[in-house]
Amino acid sequence: AGPVRMGTTLSAAWFLDDKLAWVHVGDSRIYLCRDSSLQQLTRDHNRNEFAARDGRTTSPEGWNLCQSFIYGSRGLGDNSMIRLEAGLDAGMVELRKNDVVLLCSDGLTGTVSDSVLEAVLSQDLDCESAADALVSSAIERGSKDNITAIVIRVGSLGDGLQVEGSFEGVEEKTVMF
């Protein structure tokens, strides 16, 4: 089959009442920052992740994205052995006021550490400024991949969930190489 030179990933989030529902395939990520503590909700779909799930040994080269495996077994192909595992490939979390949700591409997480993500998301920045700071950090660290950062802050819960975020012009937070 040869090496995969191009692929796509998907991380999607829905805000439902006081919950965040998400689904994921590939190596884009969704994070939740609560009380200045960062939690990665998604797991990168690579050979080592799937080996660990199946109880097999991992390998040094197993951290690469695994498009052929994703296509056949994670919902994008016609394989009858499709496996979507709750909490690993899709999930739902309760939200609290001031939670911050980050949807991002591997162009960000490939160069910017979780500790930097946490530090930026824990600041009292508006969503646009936080996304700009994250993208700038990735560029400064030499990212050579497309960089996308979407930051959403939970305002109030209850009768109607209110979130702050820039939903128009999201492309302003994306840098293409």
Protein backbone atom coordinates (compact mmCIF):
# COMPACT_ATOMS: atom_id res chain seq x y z
CA ALA A 1 0.00 0.00 0.00
CA GLY A 2 2.91 2.39 0.63
CA PRO A 3 3.22 5.32 3.00
CA VAL A 4 0.26 7.59 3.63
CA ARG A 5 1.16 11.12 2.57
CA MET A 6 -2.08 12.85 3.36
CA GLY A 7 -5.03 12.24 5.58
CA THR A 8 -7.66 13.93 7.65
CA THR A 9 -8.79 13.87 11.24
CA LEU A 10 -11.97 14.96 12.96
CA SER A 11 -12.70 16.24 16.43
CA ALA A 12 -16.25 17.47 16.93
CA ALA A 13 -17.99 18.81 20.03
CA TRP A 14 -21.62 19.52 20.87
CA PHE A 15 -22.75 21.60 23.82
CA LEU A 16 -25.92 20.01 25.21
CA ASP A 17 -27.44 21.65 28.28
CA ASP A 18 -24.67 21.32 30.88
CA LYS A 19 -22.71 18.66 28.98
CA LEU A 20 -20.11 18.47 26.26
CA ALA A 21 -20.54 15.55 23.86
CA TRP A 22 -17.62 14.76 21.59
CA VAL A 23 -16.49 12.37 18.89
CA HIS A 24 -13.04 11.93 17.49
CA VAL A 25 -10.92 10.16 14.88
CA GLY A 26 -7.26 10.80 14.07
CA ASP A 27 -4.74 13.01 15.85
CA SER A 28 -6.56 16.29 16.29
CA ARG A 29 -7.48 16.70 19.96
CA ILE A 30 -10.09 17.99 22.39
CA TYR A 31 -9.02 19.25 25.81
CA LEU A 32 -10.94 20.40 28.87
CA CYS A 33 -9.29 22.91 31.19
CA ARG A 34 -11.02 23.09 34.56
CA ASP A 35 -9.72 24.98 37.58
CA SER A 36 -6.35 25.48 35.82
CA SER A 37 -5.97 21.72 35.24
CA LEU A 38 -5.79 20.40 31.67
CA GLN A 39 -7.36 17.06 30.67
CA GLN A 40 -7.00 15.56 27.20
CA LEU A 41 -10.40 14.07 26.35
CA THR A 42 -9.34 12.37 23.11
CA ARG A 43 -6.57 9.91 22.37
CA ASP A 44 -4.45 10.03 19.24
CA HIS A 45 -5.30 7.22 16.87
CA ASN A 46 -1.93 5.66 16.20
CA ARG A 47 -0.62 2.09 16.14
CA ASN A 48 0.59 2.23 19.75
CA GLU A 49 -2.76 3.47 21.05
CA PHE A 50 -4.58 0.62 19.31
CA ALA A 51 -1.97 -1.92 20.43
CA ALA A 52 -2.40 -0.79 24.05
CA ARG A 53 -6.19 -1.05 23.78
CA ASP A 54 -5.84 -4.59 22.40
CA GLY A 55 -3.23 -5.69 24.96
CA ARG A 56 -0.44 -5.93 22.37
CA THR A 57 3.09 -4.56 22.72
CA THR A 58 3.90 -1.08 21.43
CA SER A 59 6.82 -0.12 19.18
CA PRO A 60 9.07 2.95 18.83
CA GLU A 61 7.64 3.74 15.38
CA GLY A 62 4.06 3.16 16.52
CA TRP A 63 3.35 6.80 17.41
CA ASN A 64 2.58 7.72 13.79
CA LEU A 65 -1.01 8.31 12.74
CA CYS A 66 -2.58 5.13 11.45
CA GLN A 67 -4.94 6.13 8.63
CA SER A 68 -5.38 2.65 7.23
CA PHE A 69 -6.40 1.30 10.63
CA ILE A 70 -8.66 4.27 11.31
CA TYR A 71 -10.35 3.84 7.94
CA GLY A 72 -11.13 0.19 8.50
CA SER A 73 -11.95 0.01 12.17
CA ARG A 74 -12.94 3.44 13.47
CA GLY A 75 -16.04 4.24 11.48
CA LEU A 76 -14.85 5.61 8.15
CA GLY A 77 -14.78 2.43 6.08
CA ASP A 78 -17.12 -0.44 5.37
CA ASN A 79 -15.37 -2.89 7.68
CA SER A 80 -17.84 -4.96 9.71
CA MET A 81 -15.42 -4.85 12.67
CA ILE A 82 -15.93 -1.12 13.35
CA ARG A 83 -14.97 -0.27 16.92
CA LEU A 84 -16.02 2.99 18.52
CA GLU A 85 -15.19 2.83 22.20
CA ALA A 86 -17.08 5.10 24.60
CA GLY A 87 -14.73 7.39 26.46
CA LEU A 88 -11.94 6.77 23.97
CA ASP A 89 -13.41 7.63 20.56
CA ALA A 90 -16.53 9.44 21.78
CA GLY A 91 -17.77 10.64 25.11
CA MET A 92 -19.65 13.13 27.24
CA VAL A 93 -18.51 15.24 30.18
CA GLU A 94 -20.37 17.46 32.63
CA LEU A 95 -19.47 21.13 32.27
CA ARG A 96 -18.95 23.72 34.96
CA LYS A 97 -18.90 27.48 34.81
CA ASN A 98 -15.53 28.79 33.56
CA ASP A 99 -14.50 25.47 31.98
CA VAL A 100 -12.45 26.02 28.84
CA VAL A 101 -12.67 23.65 25.87
CA LEU A 102 -9.93 23.50 23.25
CA LEU A 103 -10.31 21.80 19.87
CA CYS A 104 -6.99 21.75 18.04
CA SER A 105 -4.92 20.16 15.32
CA ASP A 106 -1.65 18.29 15.69
CA GLY A 107 0.12 21.32 14.24
CA LEU A 108 -0.42 22.81 17.69
CA THR A 109 0.10 19.77 19.93
CA GLY A 110 3.09 18.50 17.94
CA THR A 111 5.16 21.48 19.10
CA VAL A 112 3.39 22.99 22.14
CA SER A 113 3.48 20.98 25.38
CA ASP A 114 0.45 20.28 27.53
CA SER A 115 1.96 22.48 30.26
CA VAL A 116 2.01 25.46 27.88
CA LEU A 117 -1.56 24.72 26.73
CA GLU A 118 -2.63 24.58 30.37
CA ALA A 119 -0.84 27.84 31.23
CA VAL A 120 -2.48 29.73 28.35
CA LEU A 121 -5.96 28.28 28.92
CA SER A 122 -5.75 29.02 32.66
CA GLN A 123 -5.16 32.73 32.07
CA ASP A 124 -8.05 35.16 32.16
CA LEU A 125 -7.94 35.71 28.38
CA ASP A 126 -10.87 36.03 26.03
CA CYS A 127 -11.19 33.05 23.69
CA GLU A 128 -9.80 34.81 20.64
CA SER A 129 -6.70 35.99 22.51
CA ALA A 130 -6.12 32.51 23.94
CA ALA A 131 -6.40 30.91 20.48
CA ASP A 132 -4.04 33.54 19.04
CA ALA A 133 -1.52 32.89 21.83
CA LEU A 134 -1.61 29.13 21.21
CA VAL A 135 -1.16 29.46 17.46
CA SER A 136 1.69 31.95 17.97
CA SER A 137 3.38 29.50 20.38
CA ALA A 138 3.25 26.75 17.77
CA ILE A 139 4.71 29.03 15.08
CA GLU A 140 7.48 30.19 17.44
CA ARG A 141 8.35 26.56 18.18
CA GLY A 142 8.67 25.78 14.46
CA SER A 143 5.48 23.87 13.65
CA LYS A 144 5.47 22.76 10.03
CA ASP A 145 1.92 21.41 10.05
CA ASN A 146 -1.42 23.19 9.81
CA ILE A 147 -2.25 24.82 13.15
CA THR A 148 -5.82 25.22 14.35
CA ALA A 149 -6.98 26.23 17.83
CA ILE A 150 -10.62 26.81 18.76
CA VAL A 151 -11.12 27.97 22.34
CA ILE A 152 -14.55 28.02 24.03
CA ARG A 153 -15.24 29.19 27.59
CA VAL A 154 -18.37 28.10 29.47
CA GLY A 155 -20.26 31.09 30.85
CA SER A 156 -23.38 30.12 32.75
CA LEU A 157 -25.21 26.83 33.12
CA GLY A 158 -28.78 26.09 33.99
CA ASP A 159 -31.75 27.19 31.90
CA GLY A 160 -29.49 27.89 28.97
CA LEU A 161 -25.84 27.09 28.50
CA GLN A 162 -23.89 30.19 27.55
CA VAL A 163 -20.47 29.90 25.98
CA GLU A 164 -17.97 32.49 24.85
CA GLY A 165 -16.04 31.85 21.69
CA SER A 166 -15.42 33.15 18.24
CA PHE A 167 -17.54 31.00 15.97
CA GLU A 168 -17.29 33.34 13.00
CA GLY A 169 -13.91 33.70 11.38
CA VAL A 170 -12.43 30.56 12.94
CA GLU A 171 -10.07 30.49 9.97
CA GLU A 172 -8.26 33.41 11.61
CA LYS A 173 -6.99 30.89 14.15
CA THR A 174 -5.76 28.48 11.47
CA VAL A 175 -2.34 28.75 9.85
CA MET A 176 -1.70 26.62 6.78
CA PHE A 177 1.81 25.54 5.74
